[in-house]
Amino acid sequence: MMEIKDLQPKMGKVEIVVTIKDIQEPKEFDRFGKTTRVANATGFDETGSIKMSLWNEDIERIKEGTKVLIKNGYVSEWQGEMQLGTGKYGSMEIAEQAENLAEKVVVEEKLEEVDEEAPETKTEDIEY
């Protein structure tokens, strides 16, 4: 699996998981006689961030905080800035919904609290 730091302009066959943030208001326009919607967004991982475009139904199903898996993605460059997209042959799948991420953070915090409160047991203290 790739990370954002590994991406380069004109790179294809990108497989990466990013978390979506900063989704802008969608814009509508006619394309090939059909109304199309696009919203700019930012995707990020531990190594950086990258501009992205959400198209049509992706605008409704992907919310800020959602982790998405990009398969067979493509990195383009516009006005000197890299952009990650699915292109004609790629796909964007939801890897983890925002609500699930929030629940996961709460559970992880509780587990950390339990670990901190648990007495430390040394192997030499255990009778066999």
N, C-alpha and C. Protein backbone atom coordinates (compact mmCIF):
# COMPACT_ATOMS: atom_id res chain seq x y z
N MET A 1 0.85 -1.17 0.00
CA MET A 1 0.00 0.00 0.00
C MET A 1 0.90 1.24 0.00
N MET A 2 0.53 2.22 -0.81
CA MET A 2 1.32 3.45 -0.92
C MET A 2 0.94 4.44 0.18
N GLU A 3 1.80 5.44 0.34
CA GLU A 3 1.52 6.57 1.23
C GLU A 3 1.62 7.84 0.40
N ILE A 4 1.05 8.93 0.90
CA ILE A 4 1.05 10.18 0.14
C ILE A 4 2.47 10.64 -0.18
N LYS A 5 3.40 10.45 0.73
CA LYS A 5 4.79 10.87 0.49
C LYS A 5 5.41 10.17 -0.72
N ASP A 6 4.85 9.01 -1.13
CA ASP A 6 5.39 8.24 -2.25
C ASP A 6 4.86 8.71 -3.60
N LEU A 7 3.81 9.54 -3.61
CA LEU A 7 3.14 9.90 -4.86
C LEU A 7 3.93 10.92 -5.66
N GLN A 8 3.86 10.75 -6.99
CA GLN A 8 4.52 11.65 -7.94
C GLN A 8 3.54 12.00 -9.06
N PRO A 9 3.66 13.19 -9.68
CA PRO A 9 2.79 13.53 -10.81
C PRO A 9 2.90 12.48 -11.92
N LYS A 10 1.78 12.23 -12.58
CA LYS A 10 1.66 11.27 -13.69
C LYS A 10 1.80 9.82 -13.25
N MET A 11 1.71 9.57 -11.95
CA MET A 11 1.81 8.21 -11.43
C MET A 11 0.44 7.55 -11.56
N GLY A 12 0.41 6.34 -12.09
CA GLY A 12 -0.82 5.58 -12.21
C GLY A 12 -0.77 4.34 -11.34
N LYS A 13 -1.85 3.57 -11.36
CA LYS A 13 -1.96 2.34 -10.59
C LYS A 13 -1.71 2.58 -9.10
N VAL A 14 -2.23 3.70 -8.60
CA VAL A 14 -2.05 4.07 -7.20
C VAL A 14 -3.07 3.33 -6.35
N GLU A 15 -2.60 2.68 -5.30
CA GLU A 15 -3.48 2.04 -4.31
C GLU A 15 -3.10 2.63 -2.96
N ILE A 16 -4.07 3.35 -2.35
CA ILE A 16 -3.77 4.12 -1.15
C ILE A 16 -5.02 4.31 -0.31
N VAL A 17 -4.85 4.39 1.00
CA VAL A 17 -5.94 4.71 1.91
C VAL A 17 -5.68 6.11 2.45
N VAL A 18 -6.68 7.00 2.31
CA VAL A 18 -6.57 8.36 2.84
C VAL A 18 -7.84 8.71 3.60
N THR A 19 -7.72 9.65 4.51
CA THR A 19 -8.88 10.17 5.24
C THR A 19 -9.27 11.49 4.59
N ILE A 20 -10.55 11.67 4.35
CA ILE A 20 -11.05 12.86 3.66
C ILE A 20 -11.33 13.98 4.66
N LYS A 21 -10.90 15.19 4.28
CA LYS A 21 -11.22 16.37 5.08
C LYS A 21 -11.43 17.55 4.13
N ASP A 22 -11.97 18.63 4.67
CA ASP A 22 -12.14 19.88 3.92
C ASP A 22 -12.88 19.71 2.60
N ILE A 23 -14.05 19.10 2.63
CA ILE A 23 -14.85 18.97 1.41
C ILE A 23 -15.51 20.31 1.12
N GLN A 24 -15.26 20.84 -0.07
CA GLN A 24 -15.83 22.12 -0.46
C GLN A 24 -17.22 21.93 -1.06
N GLU A 25 -17.93 23.04 -1.24
CA GLU A 25 -19.26 23.00 -1.85
C GLU A 25 -19.15 22.45 -3.28
N PRO A 26 -20.05 21.55 -3.65
CA PRO A 26 -20.02 21.00 -5.01
C PRO A 26 -20.35 22.05 -6.06
N LYS A 27 -19.78 21.86 -7.23
CA LYS A 27 -20.08 22.71 -8.39
C LYS A 27 -20.75 21.84 -9.43
N GLU A 28 -21.73 22.39 -10.13
CA GLU A 28 -22.44 21.67 -11.19
C GLU A 28 -22.06 22.25 -12.54
N PHE A 29 -21.96 21.36 -13.53
CA PHE A 29 -21.73 21.80 -14.90
C PHE A 29 -22.22 20.72 -15.84
N ASP A 30 -22.41 21.08 -17.10
CA ASP A 30 -22.83 20.11 -18.10
C ASP A 30 -21.61 19.51 -18.78
N ARG A 31 -21.63 18.19 -18.86
CA ARG A 31 -20.52 17.47 -19.48
C ARG A 31 -21.11 16.40 -20.37
N PHE A 32 -20.84 16.49 -21.63
CA PHE A 32 -21.36 15.54 -22.61
C PHE A 32 -22.89 15.47 -22.54
N GLY A 33 -23.54 16.63 -22.32
CA GLY A 33 -24.99 16.69 -22.28
C GLY A 33 -25.61 16.18 -20.99
N LYS A 34 -24.80 15.96 -19.98
CA LYS A 34 -25.27 15.43 -18.71
C LYS A 34 -24.78 16.34 -17.58
N THR A 35 -25.65 16.60 -16.60
CA THR A 35 -25.25 17.42 -15.46
C THR A 35 -24.32 16.62 -14.56
N THR A 36 -23.18 17.21 -14.26
CA THR A 36 -22.15 16.56 -13.46
C THR A 36 -21.82 17.44 -12.27
N ARG A 37 -21.54 16.81 -11.14
CA ARG A 37 -21.15 17.56 -9.94
C ARG A 37 -19.76 17.14 -9.50
N VAL A 38 -19.01 18.11 -9.00
CA VAL A 38 -17.67 17.84 -8.49
C VAL A 38 -17.44 18.70 -7.25
N ALA A 39 -16.78 18.13 -6.26
CA ALA A 39 -16.40 18.86 -5.04
C ALA A 39 -14.94 18.60 -4.76
N ASN A 40 -14.19 19.66 -4.53
CA ASN A 40 -12.79 19.51 -4.16
C ASN A 40 -12.70 19.12 -2.69
N ALA A 41 -11.70 18.33 -2.38
CA ALA A 41 -11.48 17.87 -1.00
C ALA A 41 -9.98 17.68 -0.80
N THR A 42 -9.63 17.37 0.43
CA THR A 42 -8.25 17.05 0.75
C THR A 42 -8.22 15.66 1.37
N GLY A 43 -7.26 14.86 0.94
CA GLY A 43 -7.04 13.55 1.54
C GLY A 43 -5.72 13.59 2.30
N PHE A 44 -5.67 12.89 3.43
CA PHE A 44 -4.42 12.89 4.18
C PHE A 44 -4.16 11.52 4.80
N ASP A 45 -2.89 11.28 5.08
CA ASP A 45 -2.46 10.12 5.87
C ASP A 45 -1.36 10.59 6.80
N GLU A 46 -0.65 9.67 7.43
CA GLU A 46 0.41 10.05 8.38
C GLU A 46 1.55 10.80 7.72
N THR A 47 1.67 10.70 6.39
CA THR A 47 2.84 11.25 5.71
C THR A 47 2.58 12.57 4.99
N GLY A 48 1.32 13.01 4.89
CA GLY A 48 1.05 14.25 4.18
C GLY A 48 -0.39 14.38 3.75
N SER A 49 -0.63 15.36 2.86
CA SER A 49 -1.97 15.58 2.34
C SER A 49 -1.90 15.83 0.84
N ILE A 50 -3.06 15.65 0.18
CA ILE A 50 -3.14 15.83 -1.27
C ILE A 50 -4.55 16.26 -1.66
N LYS A 51 -4.64 17.10 -2.68
CA LYS A 51 -5.94 17.54 -3.19
C LYS A 51 -6.61 16.38 -3.92
N MET A 52 -7.94 16.34 -3.83
CA MET A 52 -8.72 15.28 -4.49
C MET A 52 -10.01 15.88 -5.03
N SER A 53 -10.66 15.16 -5.92
CA SER A 53 -11.97 15.55 -6.42
C SER A 53 -12.96 14.42 -6.14
N LEU A 54 -14.12 14.80 -5.59
CA LEU A 54 -15.22 13.85 -5.39
C LEU A 54 -16.25 14.13 -6.48
N TRP A 55 -16.68 13.08 -7.18
CA TRP A 55 -17.59 13.23 -8.30
C TRP A 55 -18.96 12.65 -7.98
N ASN A 56 -20.00 13.30 -8.44
CA ASN A 56 -21.39 12.84 -8.41
C ASN A 56 -21.78 12.15 -7.11
N GLU A 57 -22.07 10.84 -7.16
CA GLU A 57 -22.57 10.14 -5.97
C GLU A 57 -21.55 10.06 -4.85
N ASP A 58 -20.25 10.19 -5.15
CA ASP A 58 -19.23 10.18 -4.09
C ASP A 58 -19.42 11.38 -3.16
N ILE A 59 -19.95 12.48 -3.67
CA ILE A 59 -20.16 13.68 -2.86
C ILE A 59 -21.14 13.39 -1.73
N GLU A 60 -22.17 12.59 -2.02
CA GLU A 60 -23.19 12.28 -1.01
C GLU A 60 -22.73 11.19 -0.03
N ARG A 61 -21.98 10.22 -0.50
CA ARG A 61 -21.67 9.07 0.36
C ARG A 61 -20.39 9.23 1.17
N ILE A 62 -19.53 10.16 0.78
CA ILE A 62 -18.26 10.34 1.49
C ILE A 62 -18.32 11.64 2.27
N LYS A 63 -18.11 11.53 3.56
CA LYS A 63 -18.17 12.68 4.47
C LYS A 63 -16.77 12.96 5.03
N GLU A 64 -16.61 14.14 5.59
CA GLU A 64 -15.34 14.47 6.22
C GLU A 64 -15.06 13.46 7.34
N GLY A 65 -13.84 12.98 7.39
CA GLY A 65 -13.45 12.00 8.39
C GLY A 65 -13.54 10.56 7.90
N THR A 66 -14.09 10.36 6.68
CA THR A 66 -14.21 9.02 6.14
C THR A 66 -12.88 8.58 5.54
N LYS A 67 -12.49 7.35 5.85
CA LYS A 67 -11.30 6.76 5.22
C LYS A 67 -11.75 6.10 3.93
N VAL A 68 -11.02 6.38 2.83
CA VAL A 68 -11.35 5.78 1.55
C VAL A 68 -10.14 5.03 1.00
N LEU A 69 -10.44 3.98 0.28
CA LEU A 69 -9.41 3.21 -0.42
C LEU A 69 -9.51 3.56 -1.89
N ILE A 70 -8.44 4.11 -2.44
CA ILE A 70 -8.36 4.41 -3.87
C ILE A 70 -7.65 3.23 -4.52
N LYS A 71 -8.32 2.63 -5.49
CA LYS A 71 -7.71 1.53 -6.26
C LYS A 71 -7.51 2.00 -7.69
N ASN A 72 -6.35 1.71 -8.23
CA ASN A 72 -6.00 2.07 -9.60
C ASN A 72 -6.16 3.57 -9.82
N GLY A 73 -5.74 4.36 -8.82
CA GLY A 73 -5.85 5.82 -8.91
C GLY A 73 -4.77 6.42 -9.79
N TYR A 74 -4.90 7.74 -9.99
CA TYR A 74 -3.96 8.45 -10.85
C TYR A 74 -3.61 9.78 -10.19
N VAL A 75 -2.34 10.16 -10.24
CA VAL A 75 -1.89 11.44 -9.71
C VAL A 75 -1.64 12.39 -10.88
N SER A 76 -2.38 13.49 -10.88
CA SER A 76 -2.17 14.53 -11.89
C SER A 76 -1.56 15.75 -11.21
N GLU A 77 -1.29 16.76 -12.02
CA GLU A 77 -0.75 17.99 -11.47
C GLU A 77 -1.49 19.15 -12.12
N TRP A 78 -1.96 20.08 -11.30
CA TRP A 78 -2.68 21.25 -11.82
C TRP A 78 -2.20 22.47 -11.07
N GLN A 79 -1.73 23.45 -11.79
CA GLN A 79 -1.17 24.69 -11.23
C GLN A 79 -0.08 24.38 -10.20
N GLY A 80 0.75 23.39 -10.53
CA GLY A 80 1.89 23.05 -9.70
C GLY A 80 1.57 22.23 -8.46
N GLU A 81 0.31 21.80 -8.33
CA GLU A 81 -0.08 21.03 -7.15
C GLU A 81 -0.59 19.66 -7.57
N MET A 82 -0.12 18.61 -6.86
CA MET A 82 -0.55 17.26 -7.18
C MET A 82 -1.99 17.05 -6.76
N GLN A 83 -2.70 16.24 -7.57
CA GLN A 83 -4.08 15.88 -7.26
C GLN A 83 -4.24 14.38 -7.46
N LEU A 84 -4.96 13.75 -6.54
CA LEU A 84 -5.21 12.32 -6.60
C LEU A 84 -6.64 12.08 -7.03
N GLY A 85 -6.81 11.21 -8.02
CA GLY A 85 -8.16 10.89 -8.49
C GLY A 85 -8.27 9.44 -8.92
N THR A 86 -9.49 9.04 -9.22
CA THR A 86 -9.72 7.67 -9.65
C THR A 86 -9.57 7.51 -11.15
N GLY A 87 -9.68 8.61 -11.88
CA GLY A 87 -9.58 8.52 -13.32
C GLY A 87 -10.68 7.66 -13.91
N LYS A 88 -10.49 7.26 -15.13
CA LYS A 88 -11.51 6.49 -15.84
C LYS A 88 -11.61 5.04 -15.35
N TYR A 89 -10.49 4.46 -14.92
CA TYR A 89 -10.45 3.04 -14.61
C TYR A 89 -10.29 2.72 -13.12
N GLY A 90 -10.20 3.75 -12.29
CA GLY A 90 -10.01 3.54 -10.86
C GLY A 90 -11.31 3.51 -10.09
N SER A 91 -11.19 3.28 -8.78
CA SER A 91 -12.38 3.27 -7.93
C SER A 91 -12.04 3.85 -6.56
N MET A 92 -13.08 4.33 -5.88
CA MET A 92 -12.95 4.86 -4.53
C MET A 92 -13.95 4.11 -3.66
N GLU A 93 -13.44 3.36 -2.70
CA GLU A 93 -14.30 2.58 -1.80
C GLU A 93 -14.17 3.12 -0.39
N ILE A 94 -15.26 3.08 0.34
CA ILE A 94 -15.21 3.51 1.73
C ILE A 94 -14.50 2.42 2.53
N ALA A 95 -13.41 2.82 3.20
CA ALA A 95 -12.65 1.88 4.01
C ALA A 95 -13.17 1.90 5.45
N GLU A 96 -13.59 3.09 5.91
CA GLU A 96 -14.07 3.22 7.28
C GLU A 96 -14.86 4.51 7.38
N GLN A 97 -16.10 4.43 7.85
CA GLN A 97 -16.96 5.59 7.99
C GLN A 97 -16.51 6.47 9.15
N ALA A 98 -16.83 7.73 9.08
CA ALA A 98 -16.45 8.69 10.11
C ALA A 98 -16.98 8.27 11.49
N GLU A 99 -18.24 7.79 11.54
CA GLU A 99 -18.81 7.38 12.82
C GLU A 99 -17.99 6.24 13.43
N ASN A 100 -17.60 5.29 12.59
CA ASN A 100 -16.79 4.17 13.07
C ASN A 100 -15.44 4.64 13.57
N LEU A 101 -14.88 5.66 12.90
CA LEU A 101 -13.59 6.19 13.34
C LEU A 101 -13.73 6.81 14.72
N ALA A 102 -14.81 7.57 14.94
CA ALA A 102 -15.02 8.20 16.24
C ALA A 102 -15.16 7.13 17.33
N GLU A 103 -15.94 6.07 17.05
CA GLU A 103 -16.10 4.99 18.01
C GLU A 103 -14.75 4.31 18.27
N LYS A 104 -13.98 4.12 17.22
CA LYS A 104 -12.69 3.46 17.35
C LYS A 104 -11.76 4.27 18.25
N VAL A 105 -11.77 5.60 18.11
CA VAL A 105 -10.93 6.46 18.95
C VAL A 105 -11.33 6.33 20.41
N VAL A 106 -12.64 6.34 20.69
CA VAL A 106 -13.13 6.20 22.06
C VAL A 106 -12.68 4.87 22.65
N VAL A 107 -12.84 3.79 21.88
CA VAL A 107 -12.44 2.46 22.35
C VAL A 107 -10.93 2.42 22.61
N GLU A 108 -10.14 2.98 21.70
CA GLU A 108 -8.69 2.98 21.88
C GLU A 108 -8.29 3.77 23.12
N GLU A 109 -8.97 4.91 23.36
CA GLU A 109 -8.67 5.71 24.55
C GLU A 109 -8.99 4.92 25.82
N LYS A 110 -10.12 4.20 25.81
CA LYS A 110 -10.49 3.40 26.97
C LYS A 110 -9.49 2.27 27.21
N LEU A 111 -9.03 1.65 26.12
CA LEU A 111 -8.04 0.58 26.25
C LEU A 111 -6.73 1.11 26.83
N GLU A 112 -6.35 2.32 26.41
CA GLU A 112 -5.14 2.93 26.95
C GLU A 112 -5.29 3.19 28.45
N GLU A 113 -6.49 3.66 28.86
CA GLU A 113 -6.75 3.90 30.28
C GLU A 113 -6.64 2.60 31.07
N VAL A 114 -7.20 1.53 30.54
CA VAL A 114 -7.15 0.23 31.21
C VAL A 114 -5.71 -0.23 31.33
N ASP A 115 -4.93 -0.07 30.26
CA ASP A 115 -3.52 -0.47 30.30
C ASP A 115 -2.76 0.31 31.37
N GLU A 116 -3.07 1.61 31.48
CA GLU A 116 -2.37 2.45 32.46
C GLU A 116 -2.75 2.07 33.89
N GLU A 117 -4.01 1.67 34.09
CA GLU A 117 -4.49 1.33 35.42
C GLU A 117 -4.11 -0.09 35.85
N ALA A 118 -3.85 -0.96 34.89
CA ALA A 118 -3.56 -2.36 35.20
C ALA A 118 -2.21 -2.46 35.91
N PRO A 119 -2.17 -3.25 36.97
CA PRO A 119 -0.87 -3.43 37.66
C PRO A 119 0.08 -4.21 36.76
N GLU A 120 1.32 -3.84 36.84
CA GLU A 120 2.33 -4.52 36.03
C GLU A 120 2.71 -5.83 36.71
N THR A 121 2.67 -6.90 35.96
CA THR A 121 3.01 -8.21 36.50
C THR A 121 4.32 -8.66 35.88
N LYS A 122 5.23 -9.07 36.72
CA LYS A 122 6.51 -9.56 36.24
C LYS A 122 6.45 -11.07 36.20
N THR A 123 7.10 -11.66 35.24
CA THR A 123 7.06 -13.11 35.10
C THR A 123 7.67 -13.81 36.30
N GLU A 124 8.61 -13.18 37.00
CA GLU A 124 9.21 -13.83 38.16
C GLU A 124 8.25 -13.85 39.36
N ASP A 125 7.18 -13.02 39.32
CA ASP A 125 6.18 -13.01 40.39
C ASP A 125 5.14 -14.11 40.23
N ILE A 126 5.11 -14.78 39.11
CA ILE A 126 4.10 -15.80 38.84
C ILE A 126 4.61 -17.16 39.32
N GLU A 127 3.79 -17.83 40.12
CA GLU A 127 4.14 -19.18 40.58
C GLU A 127 3.63 -20.20 39.58
N TYR A 128 4.47 -21.15 39.27
CA TYR A 128 4.10 -22.18 38.30
C TYR A 128 3.81 -23.49 38.97
